[in-house]
Amino acid sequence: MTQQISPSTFSTARLDAEPLTPDHATEAFDVLNSIELHRYIGGEPLTHEALTARYARLSAGSPADVSDVWANWLLRERVSGHLIGTVQATISVDQGSAAIAWVVGVEFQRRGFASEAARGLVEWLSTHGIARLEAYIHPENLGSNGVAQALGLERTGLFEDGEEIWRSPGFTAAA
């Protein structure tokens, strides 16, 4: 029987992670609406309407495979209350693995928030039995490469859509 996992709030030293809802779109729009932010993550900033629709899809969960869980959080700096970014995990419960990602708004970068949030996400996943991790990172995104290294992920030399796949030690992709 497949274990049920759904996003729940978690905290780090400076951040609170709230499960994503469509209601977050207005606040998130201001943080994520930056061409510079999309330099390495691809695409372009979404309109407010498109971001709201995306958050509604993400909140509804994975339509394709019930053994996959889409887990998405908005990150809030505890002291100021500002929304600063997101973390996400596409969890393959049956495989005990997750593809993880983090995004921190441009004005909040270079303060260690991405590393802190990613560590909090990894700890949350660990409490749910998920230890095999991978992240897809543009090779020129030095900040995210540093976050992946800090998490103990290793470069694989494999690329998908221009992003290098980083994996936890001993992780092998399912056939």
N, C-alpha and C. Protein backbone atom coordinates (compact mmCIF):
# COMPACT_ATOMS: atom_id res chain seq x y z
N MET A 1 0.84 -1.18 0.00
CA MET A 1 0.00 0.00 0.00
C MET A 1 0.89 1.25 0.00
N THR A 2 0.56 2.22 -0.84
CA THR A 2 1.33 3.45 -0.96
C THR A 2 1.06 4.36 0.23
N GLN A 3 2.15 4.85 0.83
CA GLN A 3 2.04 5.78 1.95
C GLN A 3 1.48 7.11 1.44
N GLN A 4 0.58 7.72 2.18
CA GLN A 4 0.03 9.01 1.82
C GLN A 4 0.93 10.12 2.37
N ILE A 5 1.32 11.03 1.50
CA ILE A 5 2.12 12.19 1.90
C ILE A 5 1.44 13.42 1.34
N SER A 6 1.27 14.41 2.16
CA SER A 6 0.78 15.70 1.67
C SER A 6 1.57 16.79 2.39
N PRO A 7 1.80 17.90 1.67
CA PRO A 7 2.60 18.97 2.26
C PRO A 7 2.00 19.48 3.56
N SER A 8 2.87 19.67 4.53
CA SER A 8 2.47 20.28 5.80
C SER A 8 3.49 21.37 6.13
N THR A 9 3.08 22.28 6.95
CA THR A 9 3.96 23.40 7.32
C THR A 9 5.23 22.88 7.96
N PHE A 10 6.36 23.51 7.63
CA PHE A 10 7.61 23.24 8.34
C PHE A 10 8.35 24.56 8.52
N SER A 11 9.29 24.57 9.43
CA SER A 11 10.03 25.80 9.74
C SER A 11 11.51 25.52 9.81
N THR A 12 12.28 26.58 9.56
CA THR A 12 13.73 26.55 9.75
C THR A 12 14.06 27.68 10.72
N ALA A 13 15.31 27.97 10.91
CA ALA A 13 15.70 29.02 11.86
C ALA A 13 15.05 30.36 11.54
N ARG A 14 14.97 30.72 10.24
CA ARG A 14 14.45 32.03 9.87
C ARG A 14 13.20 31.99 9.00
N LEU A 15 12.79 30.81 8.57
CA LEU A 15 11.73 30.71 7.57
C LEU A 15 10.59 29.81 8.03
N ASP A 16 9.40 30.14 7.57
CA ASP A 16 8.24 29.27 7.70
C ASP A 16 7.82 28.89 6.29
N ALA A 17 7.58 27.60 6.07
CA ALA A 17 7.14 27.10 4.77
C ALA A 17 5.67 26.72 4.89
N GLU A 18 4.84 27.34 4.06
CA GLU A 18 3.40 27.12 4.06
C GLU A 18 3.02 26.34 2.81
N PRO A 19 2.21 25.29 2.93
CA PRO A 19 1.74 24.61 1.73
C PRO A 19 1.08 25.60 0.77
N LEU A 20 1.43 25.49 -0.48
CA LEU A 20 0.95 26.38 -1.52
C LEU A 20 -0.56 26.26 -1.73
N THR A 21 -1.20 27.41 -1.90
CA THR A 21 -2.61 27.47 -2.30
C THR A 21 -2.75 28.52 -3.39
N PRO A 22 -3.83 28.48 -4.16
CA PRO A 22 -4.03 29.52 -5.18
C PRO A 22 -4.09 30.93 -4.58
N ASP A 23 -4.49 31.04 -3.31
CA ASP A 23 -4.56 32.34 -2.66
C ASP A 23 -3.20 33.01 -2.50
N HIS A 24 -2.12 32.24 -2.62
CA HIS A 24 -0.78 32.81 -2.51
C HIS A 24 -0.35 33.57 -3.76
N ALA A 25 -1.07 33.42 -4.86
CA ALA A 25 -0.62 33.96 -6.14
C ALA A 25 -0.40 35.47 -6.12
N THR A 26 -1.28 36.21 -5.49
CA THR A 26 -1.14 37.67 -5.50
C THR A 26 0.15 38.09 -4.82
N GLU A 27 0.41 37.54 -3.66
CA GLU A 27 1.63 37.88 -2.92
C GLU A 27 2.87 37.36 -3.65
N ALA A 28 2.80 36.14 -4.17
CA ALA A 28 3.95 35.54 -4.85
C ALA A 28 4.26 36.27 -6.15
N PHE A 29 3.26 36.80 -6.82
CA PHE A 29 3.46 37.50 -8.08
C PHE A 29 4.50 38.60 -7.93
N ASP A 30 4.42 39.36 -6.86
CA ASP A 30 5.36 40.45 -6.64
C ASP A 30 6.80 39.96 -6.47
N VAL A 31 6.98 38.79 -5.88
CA VAL A 31 8.31 38.25 -5.61
C VAL A 31 8.89 37.54 -6.84
N LEU A 32 8.04 36.87 -7.61
CA LEU A 32 8.51 36.03 -8.71
C LEU A 32 8.44 36.71 -10.07
N ASN A 33 7.91 37.93 -10.12
CA ASN A 33 7.72 38.64 -11.38
C ASN A 33 8.99 39.38 -11.78
N SER A 34 10.02 38.61 -12.13
CA SER A 34 11.32 39.20 -12.47
C SER A 34 11.97 38.43 -13.61
N ILE A 35 12.33 39.14 -14.66
CA ILE A 35 13.05 38.52 -15.78
C ILE A 35 14.36 37.93 -15.27
N GLU A 36 15.06 38.66 -14.40
CA GLU A 36 16.34 38.20 -13.87
C GLU A 36 16.20 36.87 -13.14
N LEU A 37 15.12 36.69 -12.42
CA LEU A 37 14.89 35.44 -11.69
C LEU A 37 14.79 34.25 -12.64
N HIS A 38 14.24 34.47 -13.83
CA HIS A 38 14.03 33.39 -14.79
C HIS A 38 15.24 33.13 -15.68
N ARG A 39 16.32 33.82 -15.44
CA ARG A 39 17.52 33.67 -16.27
C ARG A 39 17.96 32.21 -16.35
N TYR A 40 17.97 31.51 -15.22
CA TYR A 40 18.43 30.13 -15.19
C TYR A 40 17.30 29.12 -15.03
N ILE A 41 16.16 29.54 -14.54
CA ILE A 41 15.08 28.57 -14.33
C ILE A 41 14.19 28.45 -15.55
N GLY A 42 14.43 29.29 -16.55
CA GLY A 42 13.71 29.18 -17.80
C GLY A 42 12.39 29.92 -17.79
N GLY A 43 11.86 30.04 -18.99
CA GLY A 43 10.57 30.69 -19.15
C GLY A 43 10.65 32.18 -18.88
N GLU A 44 9.52 32.72 -18.54
CA GLU A 44 9.42 34.13 -18.22
C GLU A 44 8.37 34.29 -17.13
N PRO A 45 8.36 35.44 -16.48
CA PRO A 45 7.37 35.63 -15.42
C PRO A 45 5.95 35.41 -15.96
N LEU A 46 5.13 34.75 -15.15
CA LEU A 46 3.74 34.52 -15.52
C LEU A 46 2.90 35.74 -15.19
N THR A 47 1.82 35.91 -15.92
CA THR A 47 0.85 36.94 -15.55
C THR A 47 0.22 36.53 -14.22
N HIS A 48 -0.43 37.46 -13.57
CA HIS A 48 -1.11 37.14 -12.31
C HIS A 48 -2.13 36.02 -12.53
N GLU A 49 -2.88 36.10 -13.61
CA GLU A 49 -3.91 35.09 -13.89
C GLU A 49 -3.27 33.72 -14.13
N ALA A 50 -2.17 33.68 -14.88
CA ALA A 50 -1.50 32.42 -15.17
C ALA A 50 -0.87 31.83 -13.91
N LEU A 51 -0.34 32.69 -13.05
CA LEU A 51 0.24 32.20 -11.79
C LEU A 51 -0.85 31.61 -10.89
N THR A 52 -2.00 32.27 -10.83
CA THR A 52 -3.12 31.75 -10.04
C THR A 52 -3.56 30.40 -10.58
N ALA A 53 -3.67 30.26 -11.88
CA ALA A 53 -4.06 28.99 -12.49
C ALA A 53 -3.01 27.91 -12.23
N ARG A 54 -1.74 28.27 -12.30
CA ARG A 54 -0.66 27.31 -12.02
C ARG A 54 -0.75 26.83 -10.57
N TYR A 55 -0.95 27.75 -9.65
CA TYR A 55 -1.03 27.37 -8.24
C TYR A 55 -2.25 26.48 -7.99
N ALA A 56 -3.33 26.73 -8.71
CA ALA A 56 -4.52 25.87 -8.57
C ALA A 56 -4.18 24.45 -9.05
N ARG A 57 -3.47 24.34 -10.19
CA ARG A 57 -3.07 23.01 -10.70
C ARG A 57 -2.14 22.32 -9.73
N LEU A 58 -1.12 23.04 -9.24
CA LEU A 58 -0.15 22.44 -8.32
C LEU A 58 -0.82 22.00 -7.02
N SER A 59 -1.73 22.81 -6.51
CA SER A 59 -2.42 22.49 -5.26
C SER A 59 -3.31 21.26 -5.40
N ALA A 60 -3.82 21.03 -6.61
CA ALA A 60 -4.71 19.89 -6.85
C ALA A 60 -3.95 18.57 -6.85
N GLY A 61 -2.64 18.61 -7.09
CA GLY A 61 -1.85 17.39 -7.09
C GLY A 61 -1.64 16.83 -8.47
N SER A 62 -0.82 15.80 -8.54
CA SER A 62 -0.44 15.18 -9.79
C SER A 62 -1.61 14.44 -10.43
N PRO A 63 -2.00 14.83 -11.64
CA PRO A 63 -3.11 14.13 -12.29
C PRO A 63 -2.66 12.83 -12.96
N ALA A 64 -1.37 12.72 -13.24
CA ALA A 64 -0.88 11.61 -14.06
C ALA A 64 -0.66 10.33 -13.29
N ASP A 65 -0.18 10.43 -12.08
CA ASP A 65 0.25 9.23 -11.37
C ASP A 65 -0.05 9.40 -9.88
N VAL A 66 -0.94 8.60 -9.36
CA VAL A 66 -1.32 8.75 -7.96
C VAL A 66 -0.19 8.38 -7.01
N SER A 67 0.85 7.71 -7.50
CA SER A 67 1.98 7.41 -6.62
C SER A 67 2.97 8.57 -6.56
N ASP A 68 2.76 9.59 -7.40
CA ASP A 68 3.57 10.79 -7.34
C ASP A 68 2.83 11.86 -6.56
N VAL A 69 3.56 12.59 -5.74
CA VAL A 69 2.98 13.68 -4.95
C VAL A 69 3.66 14.97 -5.35
N TRP A 70 2.86 15.96 -5.69
CA TRP A 70 3.38 17.30 -5.92
C TRP A 70 3.30 18.03 -4.59
N ALA A 71 4.43 18.39 -4.03
CA ALA A 71 4.48 19.10 -2.76
C ALA A 71 5.13 20.46 -3.00
N ASN A 72 4.41 21.51 -2.72
CA ASN A 72 4.88 22.87 -2.99
C ASN A 72 4.61 23.76 -1.78
N TRP A 73 5.59 24.58 -1.48
CA TRP A 73 5.47 25.49 -0.34
C TRP A 73 5.89 26.90 -0.74
N LEU A 74 5.28 27.88 -0.08
CA LEU A 74 5.74 29.26 -0.15
C LEU A 74 6.57 29.51 1.09
N LEU A 75 7.66 30.25 0.91
CA LEU A 75 8.57 30.54 2.01
C LEU A 75 8.33 31.94 2.53
N ARG A 76 8.23 32.05 3.83
CA ARG A 76 8.00 33.35 4.45
C ARG A 76 9.09 33.59 5.49
N GLU A 77 9.75 34.76 5.38
CA GLU A 77 10.72 35.15 6.40
C GLU A 77 9.96 35.47 7.67
N ARG A 78 10.32 34.79 8.74
CA ARG A 78 9.54 34.90 9.98
C ARG A 78 9.58 36.31 10.56
N VAL A 79 10.73 36.96 10.61
CA VAL A 79 10.84 38.26 11.26
C VAL A 79 10.01 39.33 10.55
N SER A 80 10.16 39.41 9.22
CA SER A 80 9.46 40.46 8.47
C SER A 80 8.07 40.04 8.01
N GLY A 81 7.84 38.73 7.90
CA GLY A 81 6.58 38.24 7.36
C GLY A 81 6.53 38.23 5.85
N HIS A 82 7.63 38.67 5.19
CA HIS A 82 7.65 38.73 3.73
C HIS A 82 7.72 37.34 3.11
N LEU A 83 6.95 37.15 2.05
CA LEU A 83 7.09 35.97 1.23
C LEU A 83 8.36 36.15 0.42
N ILE A 84 9.26 35.15 0.43
CA ILE A 84 10.55 35.33 -0.24
C ILE A 84 10.80 34.35 -1.38
N GLY A 85 10.02 33.26 -1.48
CA GLY A 85 10.26 32.29 -2.54
C GLY A 85 9.46 31.02 -2.34
N THR A 86 9.95 29.96 -2.97
CA THR A 86 9.25 28.68 -2.95
C THR A 86 10.24 27.52 -2.83
N VAL A 87 9.75 26.40 -2.36
CA VAL A 87 10.44 25.12 -2.49
C VAL A 87 9.41 24.12 -2.97
N GLN A 88 9.89 23.09 -3.65
CA GLN A 88 8.97 22.08 -4.14
C GLN A 88 9.65 20.74 -4.23
N ALA A 89 8.84 19.71 -4.20
CA ALA A 89 9.32 18.34 -4.36
C ALA A 89 8.29 17.56 -5.14
N THR A 90 8.74 16.88 -6.17
CA THR A 90 7.89 15.90 -6.84
C THR A 90 8.33 14.56 -6.29
N ILE A 91 7.48 13.99 -5.47
CA ILE A 91 7.83 12.82 -4.67
C ILE A 91 7.30 11.55 -5.33
N SER A 92 8.19 10.60 -5.54
CA SER A 92 7.79 9.27 -5.98
C SER A 92 7.80 8.39 -4.73
N VAL A 93 6.63 8.27 -4.13
CA VAL A 93 6.52 7.58 -2.85
C VAL A 93 7.01 6.14 -2.98
N ASP A 94 6.60 5.46 -4.05
CA ASP A 94 6.97 4.06 -4.24
C ASP A 94 8.48 3.87 -4.38
N GLN A 95 9.16 4.88 -4.92
CA GLN A 95 10.61 4.80 -5.12
C GLN A 95 11.39 5.38 -3.93
N GLY A 96 10.70 6.09 -3.04
CA GLY A 96 11.38 6.74 -1.91
C GLY A 96 12.30 7.85 -2.37
N SER A 97 11.89 8.54 -3.46
CA SER A 97 12.74 9.57 -4.03
C SER A 97 11.94 10.84 -4.32
N ALA A 98 12.67 11.92 -4.52
CA ALA A 98 12.02 13.19 -4.86
C ALA A 98 12.95 14.04 -5.70
N ALA A 99 12.36 14.73 -6.66
CA ALA A 99 13.05 15.78 -7.40
C ALA A 99 12.71 17.07 -6.67
N ILE A 100 13.74 17.80 -6.25
CA ILE A 100 13.51 18.99 -5.44
C ILE A 100 13.96 20.25 -6.19
N ALA A 101 13.38 21.37 -5.79
CA ALA A 101 13.74 22.65 -6.39
C ALA A 101 13.48 23.77 -5.38
N TRP A 102 14.14 24.88 -5.60
CA TRP A 102 13.99 26.05 -4.74
C TRP A 102 14.10 27.28 -5.60
N VAL A 103 13.36 28.32 -5.24
CA VAL A 103 13.42 29.61 -5.92
C VAL A 103 13.30 30.68 -4.85
N VAL A 104 14.23 31.61 -4.85
CA VAL A 104 14.20 32.73 -3.92
C VAL A 104 14.19 34.01 -4.75
N GLY A 105 13.26 34.90 -4.44
CA GLY A 105 13.15 36.15 -5.17
C GLY A 105 14.47 36.92 -5.18
N VAL A 106 14.72 37.64 -6.26
CA VAL A 106 15.99 38.34 -6.47
C VAL A 106 16.36 39.22 -5.27
N GLU A 107 15.41 39.97 -4.74
CA GLU A 107 15.74 40.89 -3.65
C GLU A 107 16.10 40.17 -2.34
N PHE A 108 15.85 38.86 -2.27
CA PHE A 108 16.14 38.10 -1.06
C PHE A 108 17.32 37.14 -1.24
N GLN A 109 17.95 37.16 -2.40
CA GLN A 109 19.07 36.27 -2.67
C GLN A 109 20.34 36.75 -1.96
N ARG A 110 21.30 35.84 -1.88
CA ARG A 110 22.62 36.08 -1.27
C ARG A 110 22.54 36.31 0.24
N ARG A 111 21.53 35.71 0.87
CA ARG A 111 21.38 35.80 2.32
C ARG A 111 21.31 34.41 2.97
N GLY A 112 21.52 33.36 2.16
CA GLY A 112 21.48 32.00 2.68
C GLY A 112 20.10 31.40 2.78
N PHE A 113 19.07 32.12 2.28
CA PHE A 113 17.71 31.61 2.38
C PHE A 113 17.51 30.33 1.55
N ALA A 114 18.08 30.27 0.35
CA ALA A 114 17.88 29.09 -0.50
C ALA A 114 18.45 27.84 0.17
N SER A 115 19.66 27.95 0.70
CA SER A 115 20.26 26.80 1.38
C SER A 115 19.45 26.39 2.60
N GLU A 116 19.04 27.37 3.37
CA GLU A 116 18.25 27.09 4.57
C GLU A 116 16.92 26.43 4.22
N ALA A 117 16.24 26.96 3.21
CA ALA A 117 14.96 26.40 2.80
C ALA A 117 15.12 24.99 2.24
N ALA A 118 16.15 24.79 1.42
CA ALA A 118 16.38 23.47 0.83
C ALA A 118 16.71 22.45 1.92
N ARG A 119 17.50 22.84 2.91
CA ARG A 119 17.80 21.92 4.03
C ARG A 119 16.51 21.59 4.79
N GLY A 120 15.66 22.59 5.02
CA GLY A 120 14.39 22.34 5.69
C GLY A 120 13.52 21.38 4.89
N LEU A 121 13.50 21.54 3.57
CA LEU A 121 12.73 20.65 2.71
C LEU A 121 13.27 19.23 2.80
N VAL A 122 14.59 19.08 2.74
CA VAL A 122 15.21 17.75 2.82
C VAL A 122 14.88 17.09 4.17
N GLU A 123 14.92 17.86 5.24
CA GLU A 123 14.55 17.31 6.55
C GLU A 123 13.10 16.88 6.57
N TRP A 124 12.21 17.69 6.01
CA TRP A 124 10.79 17.33 5.95
C TRP A 124 10.62 16.02 5.16
N LEU A 125 11.29 15.93 4.01
CA LEU A 125 11.20 14.71 3.20
C LEU A 125 11.72 13.50 3.97
N SER A 126 12.81 13.68 4.70
CA SER A 126 13.40 12.59 5.47
C SER A 126 12.43 12.05 6.50
N THR A 127 11.67 12.93 7.14
CA THR A 127 10.70 12.47 8.14
C THR A 127 9.57 11.67 7.50
N HIS A 128 9.45 11.75 6.18
CA HIS A 128 8.44 11.00 5.45
C HIS A 128 9.06 9.83 4.67
N GLY A 129 10.29 9.48 5.03
CA GLY A 129 10.94 8.31 4.43
C GLY A 129 11.52 8.53 3.05
N ILE A 130 11.68 9.78 2.66
CA ILE A 130 12.23 10.09 1.33
C ILE A 130 13.68 10.53 1.50
N ALA A 131 14.61 9.71 1.00
CA ALA A 131 16.03 10.01 1.18
C ALA A 131 16.80 10.13 -0.14
N ARG A 132 16.23 9.61 -1.21
CA ARG A 132 16.90 9.68 -2.51
C ARG A 132 16.44 10.94 -3.22
N LEU A 133 17.37 11.85 -3.47
CA LEU A 133 17.02 13.17 -3.98
C LEU A 133 17.73 13.47 -5.29
N GLU A 134 17.06 14.29 -6.10
CA GLU A 134 17.72 14.83 -7.29
C GLU A 134 17.22 16.24 -7.52
N ALA A 135 18.07 17.03 -8.18
CA ALA A 135 17.73 18.40 -8.52
C ALA A 135 18.26 18.67 -9.93
N TYR A 136 17.54 19.46 -10.67
CA TYR A 136 17.90 19.82 -12.03
C TYR A 136 18.32 21.29 -12.02
N ILE A 137 19.60 21.55 -12.34
CA ILE A 137 20.14 22.90 -12.16
C ILE A 137 20.93 23.33 -13.39
N HIS A 138 20.67 24.53 -13.86
CA HIS A 138 21.43 25.09 -14.98
C HIS A 138 22.89 25.19 -14.55
N PRO A 139 23.82 24.75 -15.40
CA PRO A 139 25.23 24.74 -14.99
C PRO A 139 25.81 26.11 -14.66
N GLU A 140 25.22 27.17 -15.18
CA GLU A 140 25.73 28.52 -14.88
C GLU A 140 25.07 29.14 -13.65
N ASN A 141 24.13 28.46 -13.06
CA ASN A 141 23.45 28.97 -11.87
C ASN A 141 24.30 28.62 -10.65
N LEU A 142 25.30 29.44 -10.41
CA LEU A 142 26.28 29.15 -9.36
C LEU A 142 25.65 29.10 -7.97
N GLY A 143 24.65 29.93 -7.72
CA GLY A 143 23.99 29.91 -6.42
C GLY A 143 23.32 28.57 -6.16
N SER A 144 22.54 28.09 -7.12
CA SER A 144 21.86 26.81 -6.94
C SER A 144 22.84 25.63 -6.96
N ASN A 145 23.92 25.75 -7.72
CA ASN A 145 24.95 24.71 -7.67
C ASN A 145 25.52 24.63 -6.25
N GLY A 146 25.74 25.77 -5.62
CA GLY A 146 26.24 25.81 -4.25
C GLY A 146 25.26 25.21 -3.26
N VAL A 147 23.96 25.48 -3.46
CA VAL A 147 22.94 24.90 -2.59
C VAL A 147 22.97 23.38 -2.72
N ALA A 148 23.03 22.88 -3.95
CA ALA A 148 23.06 21.43 -4.17
C ALA A 148 24.27 20.80 -3.49
N GLN A 149 25.42 21.44 -3.62
CA GLN A 149 26.63 20.92 -2.95
C GLN A 149 26.45 20.90 -1.45
N ALA A 150 25.88 21.97 -0.90
CA ALA A 150 25.67 22.06 0.55
C ALA A 150 24.72 20.96 1.04
N LEU A 151 23.82 20.52 0.18
CA LEU A 151 22.90 19.43 0.53
C LEU A 151 23.55 18.06 0.41
N GLY A 152 24.77 18.03 -0.14
CA GLY A 152 25.45 16.75 -0.34
C GLY A 152 25.10 16.07 -1.65
N LEU A 153 24.41 16.79 -2.53
CA LEU A 153 24.10 16.23 -3.84
C LEU A 153 25.35 16.25 -4.70
N GLU A 154 25.40 15.35 -5.67
CA GLU A 154 26.57 15.22 -6.55
C GLU A 154 26.16 15.40 -8.00
N ARG A 155 27.04 16.05 -8.75
CA ARG A 155 26.83 16.20 -10.21
C ARG A 155 26.83 14.82 -10.85
N THR A 156 25.96 14.62 -11.83
CA THR A 156 25.93 13.34 -12.54
C THR A 156 26.55 13.41 -13.92
N GLY A 157 26.69 14.63 -14.45
CA GLY A 157 27.14 14.76 -15.83
C GLY A 157 26.02 14.50 -16.83
N LEU A 158 24.82 14.21 -16.34
CA LEU A 158 23.65 14.00 -17.18
C LEU A 158 22.86 15.30 -17.27
N PHE A 159 22.33 15.57 -18.44
CA PHE A 159 21.59 16.82 -18.65
C PHE A 159 20.21 16.54 -19.20
N GLU A 160 19.25 17.37 -18.78
CA GLU A 160 17.90 17.32 -19.31
C GLU A 160 17.44 18.75 -19.50
N ASP A 161 17.05 19.09 -20.71
CA ASP A 161 16.59 20.45 -21.04
C ASP A 161 17.60 21.51 -20.60
N GLY A 162 18.88 21.23 -20.79
CA GLY A 162 19.93 22.20 -20.48
C GLY A 162 20.30 22.29 -19.01
N GLU A 163 19.69 21.47 -18.17
CA GLU A 163 19.99 21.48 -16.74
C GLU A 163 20.72 20.19 -16.36
N GLU A 164 21.73 20.34 -15.52
CA GLU A 164 22.44 19.15 -15.04
C GLU A 164 21.66 18.52 -13.89
N ILE A 165 21.65 17.20 -13.90
CA ILE A 165 20.98 16.46 -12.83
C ILE A 165 21.98 16.21 -11.72
N TRP A 166 21.63 16.64 -10.52
CA TRP A 166 22.41 16.40 -9.31
C TRP A 166 21.65 15.35 -8.51
N ARG A 167 22.36 14.40 -7.90
CA ARG A 167 21.68 13.35 -7.12
C ARG A 167 22.39 13.12 -5.80
N SER A 168 21.62 12.61 -4.86
CA SER A 168 22.21 12.21 -3.57
C SER A 168 23.11 11.00 -3.83
N PRO A 169 24.16 10.84 -3.02
CA PRO A 169 25.09 9.72 -3.20
C PRO A 169 24.34 8.38 -3.20
N GLY A 170 24.70 7.53 -4.14
CA GLY A 170 24.09 6.21 -4.23
C GLY A 170 22.75 6.17 -4.93
N PHE A 171 22.23 7.33 -5.33
CA PHE A 171 20.95 7.40 -6.04
C PHE A 171 21.14 6.88 -7.45
N THR A 172 20.32 5.94 -7.84
CA THR A 172 20.28 5.50 -9.23
C THR A 172 18.85 5.66 -9.71
N ALA A 173 18.71 6.17 -10.90
CA ALA A 173 17.37 6.39 -11.44
C ALA A 173 16.67 5.06 -11.68
N ALA A 174 15.37 5.08 -11.47
CA ALA A 174 14.57 3.87 -11.72
C ALA A 174 14.54 3.58 -13.21
N ALA A 175 14.53 2.32 -13.54
CA ALA A 175 14.51 1.93 -14.95
C ALA A 175 13.14 2.10 -15.54
